[in-house]
Amino acid sequence: MSAVVGFMAGLTESGGCYEQAFRMGVCTGSASAFSMELATRPAVEELLEHML
């Protein structure tokens, strides 16, 4: 579920860029998987910095 929400947020924030939305979705899902709770924005942004 977090990946879908991240994708939608990325799509909205990027003005419709599917590549950026995909990256945001992957990072949001990953940040949630590595956490006991839902992902936080700082955790997602940290992962985004390390994506190619």
Protein backbone atom coordinates (compact mmCIF):
# COMPACT_ATOMS: atom_id res chain seq x y z
CA MET A 1 0.00 0.00 0.00
CA SER A 2 2.83 2.43 0.81
CA ALA A 3 4.30 2.01 -2.66
CA VAL A 4 0.99 3.00 -4.27
CA VAL A 5 0.68 6.07 -2.07
CA GLY A 6 4.28 7.01 -2.82
CA PHE A 7 3.65 6.57 -6.54
CA MET A 8 0.61 8.84 -6.41
CA ALA A 9 2.49 11.46 -4.37
CA GLY A 10 5.40 11.33 -6.80
CA LEU A 11 3.07 11.65 -9.78
CA THR A 12 1.36 14.67 -8.25
CA GLU A 13 4.56 16.37 -7.10
CA SER A 14 6.37 15.83 -10.40
CA GLY A 15 3.55 17.13 -12.55
CA GLY A 16 2.88 13.75 -14.14
CA CYS A 17 6.36 12.28 -14.58
CA TYR A 18 5.93 8.51 -14.38
CA GLU A 19 9.65 7.88 -13.88
CA GLN A 20 9.78 10.14 -10.81
CA ALA A 21 6.52 8.63 -9.55
CA PHE A 22 7.94 5.12 -9.90
CA ARG A 23 11.07 6.07 -7.98
CA MET A 24 9.01 7.65 -5.21
CA GLY A 25 6.81 4.54 -5.02
CA VAL A 26 9.79 2.20 -4.77
CA CYS A 27 11.44 4.33 -2.10
CA THR A 28 8.24 4.72 -0.09
CA GLY A 29 7.56 0.98 -0.17
CA SER A 30 11.16 0.22 0.76
CA ALA A 31 11.23 2.74 3.60
CA SER A 32 8.06 1.18 5.02
CA ALA A 33 9.50 -2.32 4.69
CA PHE A 34 12.59 -1.29 6.67
CA SER A 35 10.52 0.35 9.42
CA MET A 36 8.25 -0.86 12.20
CA GLU A 37 5.76 1.86 11.19
CA LEU A 38 4.86 3.56 7.93
CA ALA A 39 7.58 5.40 6.06
CA THR A 40 8.46 8.94 7.02
CA ARG A 41 9.19 11.61 4.44
CA PRO A 42 12.84 11.97 5.58
CA ALA A 43 13.39 8.21 5.23
CA VAL A 44 11.91 8.24 1.71
CA GLU A 45 14.01 11.25 0.71
CA GLU A 46 17.15 9.56 2.02
CA LEU A 47 16.49 6.53 -0.18
CA LEU A 48 15.72 8.79 -3.16
CA GLU A 49 19.18 10.33 -2.82
CA HIS A 50 20.76 6.89 -3.31
CA MET A 51 18.74 5.88 -6.38
CA LEU A 52 20.44 6.05 -9.76
